[in-house]
């Protein structure tokens, strides 16, 4: 009788231990996102439903026994069915999540970058933005600026939820330093610009040029106007000053009092209005040699360039009227 019960107990133990073996083959793979606040039982259910563990109950018991059931770190994880449940548990509790691919488009502002990272659950929007203007933090980066707008280099990065916003910003600023060379700094000096002024001009070019082939021409226009002490009259600078732009730039907006309003203030704005890419920085440093002083959008991504004000006014009238006709 006793031996029979013992055999049953041993058999039950081995059957239970079998639930803690890999659920299948390594070729069965999934990517799972574990959100903030997800319970351990919920994670176990999802793993069982995706075929990553044999038993939801056994996985929960193992987590509690190991004291790791309350230590699951949110993130995006890659699993395969050939992994032992204990290995899956350790991965979840160590935060060994799969890096998220984050692409920051050229011309995005710090506010827009913060939005991208927030939507991917990688950083708090407000905290990221705060850090870009935190002078104490900026000093640790050895950056001689009061705000990191313009220096958060647009590129594709691999970030994880375990990375702090500070680490992400350091990575982006480091990439800026890799792209902007000593030769670029020397070229800026030759033009009579500080690096900050060159990056500021590059940000205007980035926002104005929808077509790559026009960057140097737009840069040439801006350089010509700067030499003549003419206002740059760049709409994107006004939009940046508005902050809460609704998509419709009105005549009254061009009158706002702001050092970023290049319709009222001559010279460059106090700092970048976006984060320019390498091509825009190159265009700022190597403008096209041109007599153009004006440009206006053709409403198809390209611009009409003019030498005289009379030519420009005719172009503005033509393309604005065409635009109104198409919109009506």
C-alpha atoms as a PDB file:
ATOM      1  CA  UNK A   1       0.000   0.000   0.000  1.00  0.00           C
ATOM      2  CA  UNK A   2       2.727   2.415   1.046  1.00  0.00           C
ATOM      3  CA  UNK A   3       4.858   1.522  -1.941  1.00  0.00           C
ATOM      4  CA  UNK A   4       1.882   2.103  -4.225  1.00  0.00           C
ATOM      5  CA  UNK A   5       1.288   5.560  -2.792  1.00  0.00           C
ATOM      6  CA  UNK A   6       4.984   6.310  -3.063  1.00  0.00           C
ATOM      7  CA  UNK A   7       4.988   5.327  -6.722  1.00  0.00           C
ATOM      8  CA  UNK A   8       1.972   7.550  -7.331  1.00  0.00           C
ATOM      9  CA  UNK A   9       3.677  10.453  -5.542  1.00  0.00           C
ATOM     10  CA  UNK A  10       6.919   9.966  -7.466  1.00  0.00           C
ATOM     11  CA  UNK A  11       4.985   9.649 -10.694  1.00  0.00           C
ATOM     12  CA  UNK A  12       3.082  12.841  -9.947  1.00  0.00           C
ATOM     13  CA  UNK A  13       6.301  14.665  -9.111  1.00  0.00           C
ATOM     14  CA  UNK A  14       7.914  13.641 -12.373  1.00  0.00           C
ATOM     15  CA  UNK A  15       4.764  14.560 -14.301  1.00  0.00           C
ATOM     16  CA  UNK A  16       4.769  17.985 -12.640  1.00  0.00           C
ATOM     17  CA  UNK A  17       8.479  18.479 -13.259  1.00  0.00           C
ATOM     18  CA  UNK A  18       7.796  17.656 -16.881  1.00  0.00           C
ATOM     19  CA  UNK A  19       5.719  20.844 -17.052  1.00  0.00           C
ATOM     20  CA  UNK A  20       8.910  22.813 -16.360  1.00  0.00           C
ATOM     21  CA  UNK A  21      10.676  21.444 -19.422  1.00  0.00           C
ATOM     22  CA  UNK A  22      10.837  23.347 -22.726  1.00  0.00           C
ATOM     23  CA  UNK A  23       7.458  23.460 -24.422  1.00  0.00           C
ATOM     24  CA  UNK A  24       8.684  22.801 -27.946  1.00  0.00           C
ATOM     25  CA  UNK A  25      11.373  23.610 -30.468  1.00  0.00           C
ATOM     26  CA  UNK A  26      13.557  26.662 -30.873  1.00  0.00           C
ATOM     27  CA  UNK A  27      12.028  27.231 -34.308  1.00  0.00           C
ATOM     28  CA  UNK A  28       8.780  28.213 -32.561  1.00  0.00           C
ATOM     29  CA  UNK A  29       9.524  31.847 -31.740  1.00  0.00           C
ATOM     30  CA  UNK A  30       7.437  34.804 -30.667  1.00  0.00           C
ATOM     31  CA  UNK A  31       7.944  38.422 -29.684  1.00  0.00           C
ATOM     32  CA  UNK A  32       5.886  39.574 -26.707  1.00  0.00           C
ATOM     33  CA  UNK A  33       5.499  43.021 -25.218  1.00  0.00           C
ATOM     34  CA  UNK A  34       5.067  43.060 -21.454  1.00  0.00           C
ATOM     35  CA  UNK A  35       3.338  46.285 -20.477  1.00  0.00           C
ATOM     36  CA  UNK A  36       3.740  48.268 -17.277  1.00  0.00           C
ATOM     37  CA  UNK A  37       1.424  46.899 -14.590  1.00  0.00           C
ATOM     38  CA  UNK A  38       0.909  43.463 -16.163  1.00  0.00           C
ATOM     39  CA  UNK A  39       0.422  40.782 -13.487  1.00  0.00           C
ATOM     40  CA  UNK A  40       2.630  37.711 -13.334  1.00  0.00           C
ATOM     41  CA  UNK A  41      -0.411  35.469 -13.813  1.00  0.00           C
ATOM     42  CA  UNK A  42      -1.328  37.402 -16.951  1.00  0.00           C
ATOM     43  CA  UNK A  43       2.212  36.963 -18.314  1.00  0.00           C
ATOM     44  CA  UNK A  44       2.033  33.230 -17.577  1.00  0.00           C
ATOM     45  CA  UNK A  45      -1.303  32.956 -19.414  1.00  0.00           C
ATOM     46  CA  UNK A  46       0.095  34.685 -22.466  1.00  0.00           C
ATOM     47  CA  UNK A  47       3.188  32.480 -22.502  1.00  0.00           C
ATOM     48  CA  UNK A  48       1.015  29.379 -22.315  1.00  0.00           C
ATOM     49  CA  UNK A  49      -1.316  30.660 -25.044  1.00  0.00           C
ATOM     50  CA  UNK A  50       1.662  31.325 -27.342  1.00  0.00           C
ATOM     51  CA  UNK A  51       3.099  27.858 -26.704  1.00  0.00           C
ATOM     52  CA  UNK A  52       6.166  29.044 -24.831  1.00  0.00           C
ATOM     53  CA  UNK A  53       5.468  27.106 -21.611  1.00  0.00           C
ATOM     54  CA  UNK A  54       3.575  23.859 -21.045  1.00  0.00           C
ATOM     55  CA  UNK A  55       1.762  24.873 -17.887  1.00  0.00           C
ATOM     56  CA  UNK A  56       0.609  28.277 -16.754  1.00  0.00           C
ATOM     57  CA  UNK A  57       0.182  27.045 -13.143  1.00  0.00           C
ATOM     58  CA  UNK A  58       3.630  25.435 -13.006  1.00  0.00           C
ATOM     59  CA  UNK A  59       5.228  28.643 -14.357  1.00  0.00           C
ATOM     60  CA  UNK A  60       3.425  30.752 -11.755  1.00  0.00           C
ATOM     61  CA  UNK A  61       4.489  28.345  -8.966  1.00  0.00           C
ATOM     62  CA  UNK A  62       8.098  28.432 -10.145  1.00  0.00           C
ATOM     63  CA  UNK A  63       8.086  32.238 -10.208  1.00  0.00           C
ATOM     64  CA  UNK A  64       6.730  32.445  -6.681  1.00  0.00           C
ATOM     65  CA  UNK A  65       9.156  29.836  -5.399  1.00  0.00           C
ATOM     66  CA  UNK A  66      12.076  31.719  -6.940  1.00  0.00           C
ATOM     67  CA  UNK A  67      10.782  35.032  -5.576  1.00  0.00           C
ATOM     68  CA  UNK A  68      10.729  36.545  -9.051  1.00  0.00           C
ATOM     69  CA  UNK A  69       6.989  36.801  -9.646  1.00  0.00           C
ATOM     70  CA  UNK A  70       7.003  40.452  -8.525  1.00  0.00           C
ATOM     71  CA  UNK A  71      10.191  41.364 -10.387  1.00  0.00           C
ATOM     72  CA  UNK A  72       9.031  41.205 -14.001  1.00  0.00           C
ATOM     73  CA  UNK A  73      10.409  44.159 -15.981  1.00  0.00           C
ATOM     74  CA  UNK A  74       8.222  45.618 -18.770  1.00  0.00           C
ATOM     75  CA  UNK A  75       9.668  45.459 -22.255  1.00  0.00           C
ATOM     76  CA  UNK A  76       9.601  43.708 -25.606  1.00  0.00           C
ATOM     77  CA  UNK A  77      10.953  40.163 -25.358  1.00  0.00           C
ATOM     78  CA  UNK A  78      11.845  37.484 -27.898  1.00  0.00           C
ATOM     79  CA  UNK A  79      11.160  33.890 -26.776  1.00  0.00           C
ATOM     80  CA  UNK A  80      11.273  30.484 -28.398  1.00  0.00           C
ATOM     81  CA  UNK A  81       9.586  27.261 -27.285  1.00  0.00           C
ATOM     82  CA  UNK A  82      12.940  25.508 -26.844  1.00  0.00           C
ATOM     83  CA  UNK A  83      13.748  27.743 -23.848  1.00  0.00           C
ATOM     84  CA  UNK A  84      13.356  26.223 -20.397  1.00  0.00           C
ATOM     85  CA  UNK A  85      10.698  28.037 -18.333  1.00  0.00           C
ATOM     86  CA  UNK A  86      13.348  28.991 -15.781  1.00  0.00           C
ATOM     87  CA  UNK A  87      15.356  30.717 -18.512  1.00  0.00           C
ATOM     88  CA  UNK A  88      12.242  32.591 -19.653  1.00  0.00           C
ATOM     89  CA  UNK A  89      11.612  33.680 -16.065  1.00  0.00           C
ATOM     90  CA  UNK A  90      15.177  34.899 -15.606  1.00  0.00           C
ATOM     91  CA  UNK A  91      14.968  36.836 -18.863  1.00  0.00           C
ATOM     92  CA  UNK A  92      11.785  38.566 -17.766  1.00  0.00           C
ATOM     93  CA  UNK A  93      13.171  39.480 -14.352  1.00  0.00           C
ATOM     94  CA  UNK A  94      16.546  40.665 -15.634  1.00  0.00           C
ATOM     95  CA  UNK A  95      15.006  43.058 -18.183  1.00  0.00           C
ATOM     96  CA  UNK A  96      16.887  41.356 -20.990  1.00  0.00           C
ATOM     97  CA  UNK A  97      14.356  42.709 -23.467  1.00  0.00           C
ATOM     98  CA  UNK A  98      14.763  43.009 -27.196  1.00  0.00           C
ATOM     99  CA  UNK A  99      15.982  46.477 -28.246  1.00  0.00           C
ATOM    100  CA  UNK A 100      13.407  48.623 -29.986  1.00  0.00           C
ATOM    101  CA  UNK A 101      14.379  50.059 -33.350  1.00  0.00           C
ATOM    102  CA  UNK A 102      13.752  53.803 -33.152  1.00  0.00           C
ATOM    103  CA  UNK A 103      14.065  55.959 -36.260  1.00  0.00           C
ATOM    104  CA  UNK A 104      14.200  59.712 -35.687  1.00  0.00           C
ATOM    105  CA  UNK A 105      13.431  61.526 -38.964  1.00  0.00           C
ATOM    106  CA  UNK A 106      15.550  64.479 -40.053  1.00  0.00           C
ATOM    107  CA  UNK A 107      13.996  67.753 -39.017  1.00  0.00           C
ATOM    108  CA  UNK A 108      12.160  66.447 -35.949  1.00  0.00           C
ATOM    109  CA  UNK A 109      12.151  68.805 -32.975  1.00  0.00           C
ATOM    110  CA  UNK A 110      13.020  67.690 -29.447  1.00  0.00           C
ATOM    111  CA  UNK A 111       9.290  67.744 -28.708  1.00  0.00           C
ATOM    112  CA  UNK A 112       8.568  65.391 -31.598  1.00  0.00           C
ATOM    113  CA  UNK A 113      11.411  63.057 -30.591  1.00  0.00           C
ATOM    114  CA  UNK A 114      10.032  62.936 -27.056  1.00  0.00           C
ATOM    115  CA  UNK A 115       6.684  61.958 -28.580  1.00  0.00           C
ATOM    116  CA  UNK A 116       8.222  59.080 -30.551  1.00  0.00           C
ATOM    117  CA  UNK A 117       9.997  57.686 -27.487  1.00  0.00           C
ATOM    118  CA  UNK A 118       6.868  58.086 -25.366  1.00  0.00           C
ATOM    119  CA  UNK A 119       4.692  56.223 -27.887  1.00  0.00           C
ATOM    120  CA  UNK A 120       7.176  53.351 -27.909  1.00  0.00           C
ATOM    121  CA  UNK A 121       7.065  53.250 -24.080  1.00  0.00           C
ATOM    122  CA  UNK A 122      10.795  53.986 -23.926  1.00  0.00           C
ATOM    123  CA  UNK A 123      10.813  57.331 -22.147  1.00  0.00           C
ATOM    124  CA  UNK A 124       8.452  59.700 -20.413  1.00  0.00           C
ATOM    125  CA  UNK A 125       7.684  62.584 -22.772  1.00  0.00           C
ATOM    126  CA  UNK A 126       7.904  65.329 -20.147  1.00  0.00           C
ATOM    127  CA  UNK A 127      11.093  63.991 -18.562  1.00  0.00           C
ATOM    128  CA  UNK A 128      12.873  63.657 -21.898  1.00  0.00           C
ATOM    129  CA  UNK A 129      11.939  67.223 -22.847  1.00  0.00           C
ATOM    130  CA  UNK A 130      12.978  68.531 -19.444  1.00  0.00           C
ATOM    131  CA  UNK A 131      16.419  66.993 -19.820  1.00  0.00           C
ATOM    132  CA  UNK A 132      16.989  68.590 -23.227  1.00  0.00           C
ATOM    133  CA  UNK A 133      16.838  71.964 -21.495  1.00  0.00           C
ATOM    134  CA  UNK A 134      18.455  70.999 -18.178  1.00  0.00           C
ATOM    135  CA  UNK A 135      21.674  73.041 -18.124  1.00  0.00           C
ATOM    136  CA  UNK A 136      23.208  70.949 -15.329  1.00  0.00           C
ATOM    137  CA  UNK A 137      22.690  67.769 -17.354  1.00  0.00           C
ATOM    138  CA  UNK A 138      23.862  69.447 -20.566  1.00  0.00           C
ATOM    139  CA  UNK A 139      27.128  70.418 -18.848  1.00  0.00           C
ATOM    140  CA  UNK A 140      27.829  66.715 -18.207  1.00  0.00           C
ATOM    141  CA  UNK A 141      27.749  66.269 -21.998  1.00  0.00           C
ATOM    142  CA  UNK A 142      30.354  69.030 -22.448  1.00  0.00           C
ATOM    143  CA  UNK A 143      27.992  70.879 -24.772  1.00  0.00           C
ATOM    144  CA  UNK A 144      28.376  74.692 -24.752  1.00  0.00           C
ATOM    145  CA  UNK A 145      24.632  75.298 -25.201  1.00  0.00           C
ATOM    146  CA  UNK A 146      21.615  75.888 -22.978  1.00  0.00           C
ATOM    147  CA  UNK A 147      19.323  73.592 -24.944  1.00  0.00           C
ATOM    148  CA  UNK A 148      19.979  70.419 -26.940  1.00  0.00           C
ATOM    149  CA  UNK A 149      17.591  71.272 -29.773  1.00  0.00           C
ATOM    150  CA  UNK A 150      19.644  70.726 -32.932  1.00  0.00           C
ATOM    151  CA  UNK A 151      22.089  68.295 -31.336  1.00  0.00           C
ATOM    152  CA  UNK A 152      19.826  65.235 -30.996  1.00  0.00           C
ATOM    153  CA  UNK A 153      21.047  63.691 -34.202  1.00  0.00           C
ATOM    154  CA  UNK A 154      18.319  62.121 -36.364  1.00  0.00           C
ATOM    155  CA  UNK A 155      19.208  58.493 -37.058  1.00  0.00           C
ATOM    156  CA  UNK A 156      18.085  54.921 -36.369  1.00  0.00           C
ATOM    157  CA  UNK A 157      18.860  53.739 -32.839  1.00  0.00           C
ATOM    158  CA  UNK A 158      18.430  50.608 -30.749  1.00  0.00           C
ATOM    159  CA  UNK A 159      16.967  51.554 -27.378  1.00  0.00           C
ATOM    160  CA  UNK A 160      15.586  49.378 -24.579  1.00  0.00           C
ATOM    161  CA  UNK A 161      13.207  50.200 -21.755  1.00  0.00           C
ATOM    162  CA  UNK A 162      16.041  49.741 -19.304  1.00  0.00           C
ATOM    163  CA  UNK A 163      17.853  52.721 -20.814  1.00  0.00           C
ATOM    164  CA  UNK A 164      17.294  55.992 -19.033  1.00  0.00           C
ATOM    165  CA  UNK A 165      16.299  59.139 -20.960  1.00  0.00           C
ATOM    166  CA  UNK A 166      19.735  60.481 -20.075  1.00  0.00           C
ATOM    167  CA  UNK A 167      21.398  57.504 -21.774  1.00  0.00           C
ATOM    168  CA  UNK A 168      19.285  57.952 -24.900  1.00  0.00           C
ATOM    169  CA  UNK A 169      20.147  61.630 -25.110  1.00  0.00           C
ATOM    170  CA  UNK A 170      23.844  60.884 -24.598  1.00  0.00           C
ATOM    171  CA  UNK A 171      23.688  58.401 -27.466  1.00  0.00           C
ATOM    172  CA  UNK A 172      22.081  60.935 -29.802  1.00  0.00           C
ATOM    173  CA  UNK A 173      24.492  63.725 -28.891  1.00  0.00           C
ATOM    174  CA  UNK A 174      27.403  61.321 -29.314  1.00  0.00           C
ATOM    175  CA  UNK A 175      26.131  60.531 -32.813  1.00  0.00           C
ATOM    176  CA  UNK A 176      26.036  64.263 -33.569  1.00  0.00           C
ATOM    177  CA  UNK A 177      29.676  64.533 -32.544  1.00  0.00           C
ATOM    178  CA  UNK A 178      30.580  61.633 -34.845  1.00  0.00           C
ATOM    179  CA  UNK A 179      28.856  63.258 -37.821  1.00  0.00           C
ATOM    180  CA  UNK A 180      30.034  66.838 -37.342  1.00  0.00           C
ATOM    181  CA  UNK A 181      33.771  66.689 -37.906  1.00  0.00           C
ATOM    182  CA  UNK A 182      36.659  69.010 -37.107  1.00  0.00           C
ATOM    183  CA  UNK A 183      36.647  69.964 -40.792  1.00  0.00           C
ATOM    184  CA  UNK A 184      33.009  71.042 -40.469  1.00  0.00           C
ATOM    185  CA  UNK A 185      33.867  73.198 -37.483  1.00  0.00           C
ATOM    186  CA  UNK A 186      36.748  74.768 -39.387  1.00  0.00           C
ATOM    187  CA  UNK A 187      34.473  75.435 -42.362  1.00  0.00           C
ATOM    188  CA  UNK A 188      31.968  77.188 -40.081  1.00  0.00           C
ATOM    189  CA  UNK A 189      34.739  79.437 -38.788  1.00  0.00           C
ATOM    190  CA  UNK A 190      35.772  80.247 -42.363  1.00  0.00           C
ATOM    191  CA  UNK A 191      32.205  81.408 -43.027  1.00  0.00           C
ATOM    192  CA  UNK A 192      32.258  83.518 -39.875  1.00  0.00           C
ATOM    193  CA  UNK A 193      29.853  81.211 -38.056  1.00  0.00           C
ATOM    194  CA  UNK A 194      30.061  79.491 -34.726  1.00  0.00           C
ATOM    195  CA  UNK A 195      29.108  75.824 -34.789  1.00  0.00           C
ATOM    196  CA  UNK A 196      25.867  76.758 -33.032  1.00  0.00           C
ATOM    197  CA  UNK A 197      25.019  79.240 -35.776  1.00  0.00           C
ATOM    198  CA  UNK A 198      25.811  76.668 -38.454  1.00  0.00           C
ATOM    199  CA  UNK A 199      23.534  74.103 -36.817  1.00  0.00           C
ATOM    200  CA  UNK A 200      20.828  76.751 -36.438  1.00  0.00           C
ATOM    201  CA  UNK A 201      21.006  77.569 -40.144  1.00  0.00           C
ATOM    202  CA  UNK A 202      21.021  73.855 -40.992  1.00  0.00           C
ATOM    203  CA  UNK A 203      17.790  73.415 -39.016  1.00  0.00           C
ATOM    204  CA  UNK A 204      16.086  76.112 -41.118  1.00  0.00           C
ATOM    205  CA  UNK A 205      17.288  74.462 -44.325  1.00  0.00           C
ATOM    206  CA  UNK A 206      16.062  71.077 -43.069  1.00  0.00           C
ATOM    207  CA  UNK A 207      12.572  72.430 -42.430  1.00  0.00           C
ATOM    208  CA  UNK A 208      12.362  74.378 -45.691  1.00  0.00           C
ATOM    209  CA  UNK A 209      13.799  71.808 -48.125  1.00  0.00           C
ATOM    210  CA  UNK A 210      11.389  69.017 -48.970  1.00  0.00           C
ATOM    211  CA  UNK A 211      13.611  68.011 -51.905  1.00  0.00           C
ATOM    212  CA  UNK A 212      17.244  67.085 -51.354  1.00  0.00           C
ATOM    213  CA  UNK A 213      18.385  68.856 -54.518  1.00  0.00           C
ATOM    214  CA  UNK A 214      17.200  72.224 -53.207  1.00  0.00           C
ATOM    215  CA  UNK A 215      19.092  72.263 -49.908  1.00  0.00           C
ATOM    216  CA  UNK A 216      22.177  74.051 -51.268  1.00  0.00           C
ATOM    217  CA  UNK A 217      20.019  76.598 -53.156  1.00  0.00           C
ATOM    218  CA  UNK A 218      17.943  77.402 -50.072  1.00  0.00           C
ATOM    219  CA  UNK A 219      21.179  77.709 -48.114  1.00  0.00           C
ATOM    220  CA  UNK A 220      22.490  80.095 -50.782  1.00  0.00           C
ATOM    221  CA  UNK A 221      19.393  82.302 -50.419  1.00  0.00           C
ATOM    222  CA  UNK A 222      19.775  82.414 -46.640  1.00  0.00           C
ATOM    223  CA  UNK A 223      23.495  83.217 -46.872  1.00  0.00           C
ATOM    224  CA  UNK A 224      22.744  86.030 -49.344  1.00  0.00           C
ATOM    225  CA  UNK A 225      20.106  87.510 -47.073  1.00  0.00           C
ATOM    226  CA  UNK A 226      22.331  87.263 -44.009  1.00  0.00           C
ATOM    227  CA  UNK A 227      25.112  89.118 -45.828  1.00  0.00           C
ATOM    228  CA  UNK A 228      22.678  91.917 -46.701  1.00  0.00           C
ATOM    229  CA  UNK A 229      21.168  91.990 -43.203  1.00  0.00           C
ATOM    230  CA  UNK A 230      17.745  91.096 -44.615  1.00  0.00           C
ATOM    231  CA  UNK A 231      15.232  89.162 -42.525  1.00  0.00           C
ATOM    232  CA  UNK A 232      15.298  85.484 -43.422  1.00  0.00           C
ATOM    233  CA  UNK A 233      11.473  85.360 -43.459  1.00  0.00           C
ATOM    234  CA  UNK A 234      11.341  81.620 -42.858  1.00  0.00           C
ATOM    235  CA  UNK A 235       7.877  80.284 -41.989  1.00  0.00           C
ATOM    236  CA  UNK A 236       9.212  77.310 -39.968  1.00  0.00           C
ATOM    237  CA  UNK A 237      10.818  79.707 -37.482  1.00  0.00           C
ATOM    238  CA  UNK A 238       7.442  81.319 -36.819  1.00  0.00           C
ATOM    239  CA  UNK A 239       5.827  77.895 -36.462  1.00  0.00           C
ATOM    240  CA  UNK A 240       8.512  76.956 -33.934  1.00  0.00           C
ATOM    241  CA  UNK A 241       7.838  80.146 -31.999  1.00  0.00           C
ATOM    242  CA  UNK A 242       4.101  79.406 -31.926  1.00  0.00           C
ATOM    243  CA  UNK A 243       4.703  76.063 -30.209  1.00  0.00           C
ATOM    244  CA  UNK A 244       1.020  75.056 -30.431  1.00  0.00           C
ATOM    245  CA  UNK A 245       0.772  75.386 -34.202  1.00  0.00           C
ATOM    246  CA  UNK A 246      -2.547  74.116 -35.589  1.00  0.00           C
ATOM    247  CA  UNK A 247      -1.332  73.618 -39.163  1.00  0.00           C
ATOM    248  CA  UNK A 248      -2.588  76.944 -40.534  1.00  0.00           C
ATOM    249  CA  UNK A 249      -0.058  79.805 -40.572  1.00  0.00           C
ATOM    250  CA  UNK A 250      -1.912  83.137 -40.551  1.00  0.00           C
ATOM    251  CA  UNK A 251      -0.721  86.657 -41.382  1.00  0.00           C
ATOM    252  CA  UNK A 252      -1.151  87.697 -37.759  1.00  0.00           C
ATOM    253  CA  UNK A 253       1.254  84.905 -36.741  1.00  0.00           C
ATOM    254  CA  UNK A 254       4.012  86.645 -38.700  1.00  0.00           C
ATOM    255  CA  UNK A 255       3.729  89.586 -36.287  1.00  0.00           C
ATOM    256  CA  UNK A 256       4.316  87.694 -33.043  1.00  0.00           C
ATOM    257  CA  UNK A 257       7.071  89.020 -30.827  1.00  0.00           C
ATOM    258  CA  UNK A 258       9.700  86.310 -30.615  1.00  0.00           C
ATOM    259  CA  UNK A 259      13.435  86.153 -31.366  1.00  0.00           C
ATOM    260  CA  UNK A 260      12.501  83.086 -33.453  1.00  0.00           C
ATOM    261  CA  UNK A 261      10.232  85.140 -35.722  1.00  0.00           C
ATOM    262  CA  UNK A 262      12.547  85.783 -38.667  1.00  0.00           C
ATOM    263  CA  UNK A 263       9.954  88.056 -40.291  1.00  0.00           C
ATOM    264  CA  UNK A 264      10.554  90.623 -37.556  1.00  0.00           C
ATOM    265  CA  UNK A 265      14.106  89.869 -36.391  1.00  0.00           C
ATOM    266  CA  UNK A 266      17.099  89.981 -38.691  1.00  0.00           C
ATOM    267  CA  UNK A 267      19.863  87.395 -38.579  1.00  0.00           C
ATOM    268  CA  UNK A 268      19.583  83.840 -37.357  1.00  0.00           C
ATOM    269  CA  UNK A 269      17.201  82.831 -34.565  1.00  0.00           C
ATOM    270  CA  UNK A 270      18.805  82.211 -31.136  1.00  0.00           C
ATOM    271  CA  UNK A 271      19.125  78.474 -31.758  1.00  0.00           C
ATOM    272  CA  UNK A 272      18.043  75.539 -33.903  1.00  0.00           C
ATOM    273  CA  UNK A 273      14.338  74.980 -34.547  1.00  0.00           C
ATOM    274  CA  UNK A 274      14.789  71.262 -35.246  1.00  0.00           C
ATOM    275  CA  UNK A 275      17.436  68.570 -35.406  1.00  0.00           C
ATOM    276  CA  UNK A 276      19.069  68.630 -38.854  1.00  0.00           C
ATOM    277  CA  UNK A 277      20.606  65.672 -40.631  1.00  0.00           C
ATOM    278  CA  UNK A 278      24.060  65.455 -42.192  1.00  0.00           C
ATOM    279  CA  UNK A 279      22.918  66.706 -45.625  1.00  0.00           C
ATOM    280  CA  UNK A 280      21.339  69.855 -44.188  1.00  0.00           C
ATOM    281  CA  UNK A 281      24.444  70.581 -42.100  1.00  0.00           C
ATOM    282  CA  UNK A 282      26.595  70.158 -45.223  1.00  0.00           C
ATOM    283  CA  UNK A 283      24.302  72.512 -47.161  1.00  0.00           C
ATOM    284  CA  UNK A 284      24.572  75.152 -44.434  1.00  0.00           C
ATOM    285  CA  UNK A 285      28.362  74.985 -44.662  1.00  0.00           C
ATOM    286  CA  UNK A 286      28.535  74.747 -48.464  1.00  0.00           C
ATOM    287  CA  UNK A 287      25.777  76.927 -49.946  1.00  0.00           C
ATOM    288  CA  UNK A 288      25.195  77.152 -53.675  1.00  0.00           C
ATOM    289  CA  UNK A 289      26.780  80.195 -55.291  1.00  0.00           C
ATOM    290  CA  UNK A 290      23.680  81.954 -56.544  1.00  0.00           C
ATOM    291  CA  UNK A 291      22.104  85.336 -56.984  1.00  0.00           C
ATOM    292  CA  UNK A 292      18.762  84.156 -55.670  1.00  0.00           C
ATOM    293  CA  UNK A 293      17.324  86.193 -52.816  1.00  0.00           C
ATOM    294  CA  UNK A 294      13.846  84.693 -52.552  1.00  0.00           C
ATOM    295  CA  UNK A 295      11.956  81.424 -52.855  1.00  0.00           C
ATOM    296  CA  UNK A 296       8.335  80.370 -52.614  1.00  0.00           C
ATOM    297  CA  UNK A 297       6.729  76.947 -52.475  1.00  0.00           C
ATOM    298  CA  UNK A 298       5.226  75.537 -55.670  1.00  0.00           C
ATOM    299  CA  UNK A 299       2.994  73.421 -53.398  1.00  0.00           C
ATOM    300  CA  UNK A 300       4.496  70.180 -54.700  1.00  0.00           C
ATOM    301  CA  UNK A 301       7.567  70.034 -52.471  1.00  0.00           C
ATOM    302  CA  UNK A 302       9.673  72.183 -54.793  1.00  0.00           C
ATOM    303  CA  UNK A 303      10.319  75.935 -54.781  1.00  0.00           C
ATOM    304  CA  UNK A 304      10.427  78.788 -57.273  1.00  0.00           C
ATOM    305  CA  UNK A 305      13.595  80.831 -56.776  1.00  0.00           C
ATOM    306  CA  UNK A 306      13.876  84.519 -57.690  1.00  0.00           C
ATOM    307  CA  UNK A 307      16.587  87.160 -57.835  1.00  0.00           C
ATOM    308  CA  UNK A 308      14.450  90.293 -57.546  1.00  0.00           C
ATOM    309  CA  UNK A 309      11.529  91.199 -55.343  1.00  0.00           C
ATOM    310  CA  UNK A 310       9.362  91.844 -58.406  1.00  0.00           C
ATOM    311  CA  UNK A 311      10.039  88.305 -59.687  1.00  0.00           C
ATOM    312  CA  UNK A 312       9.289  86.899 -56.261  1.00  0.00           C
ATOM    313  CA  UNK A 313       5.972  88.747 -55.988  1.00  0.00           C
ATOM    314  CA  UNK A 314       4.888  87.392 -59.368  1.00  0.00           C
ATOM    315  CA  UNK A 315       5.841  83.875 -58.254  1.00  0.00           C
ATOM    316  CA  UNK A 316       3.982  84.238 -54.944  1.00  0.00           C
ATOM    317  CA  UNK A 317       0.873  85.472 -56.789  1.00  0.00           C
ATOM    318  CA  UNK A 318       1.039  82.635 -59.317  1.00  0.00           C
ATOM    319  CA  UNK A 319       1.542  79.764 -56.882  1.00  0.00           C
ATOM    320  CA  UNK A 320      -0.766  81.090 -54.187  1.00  0.00           C
ATOM    321  CA  UNK A 321      -3.567  81.549 -56.729  1.00  0.00           C
ATOM    322  CA  UNK A 322      -2.966  78.057 -58.156  1.00  0.00           C
ATOM    323  CA  UNK A 323      -3.037  76.646 -54.651  1.00  0.00           C
ATOM    324  CA  UNK A 324      -6.360  78.366 -53.887  1.00  0.00           C
ATOM    325  CA  UNK A 325      -7.867  77.064 -57.134  1.00  0.00           C
ATOM    326  CA  UNK A 326      -6.855  73.479 -56.284  1.00  0.00           C
ATOM    327  CA  UNK A 327      -8.155  73.841 -52.731  1.00  0.00           C
ATOM    328  CA  UNK A 328     -11.560  75.195 -53.872  1.00  0.00           C
END
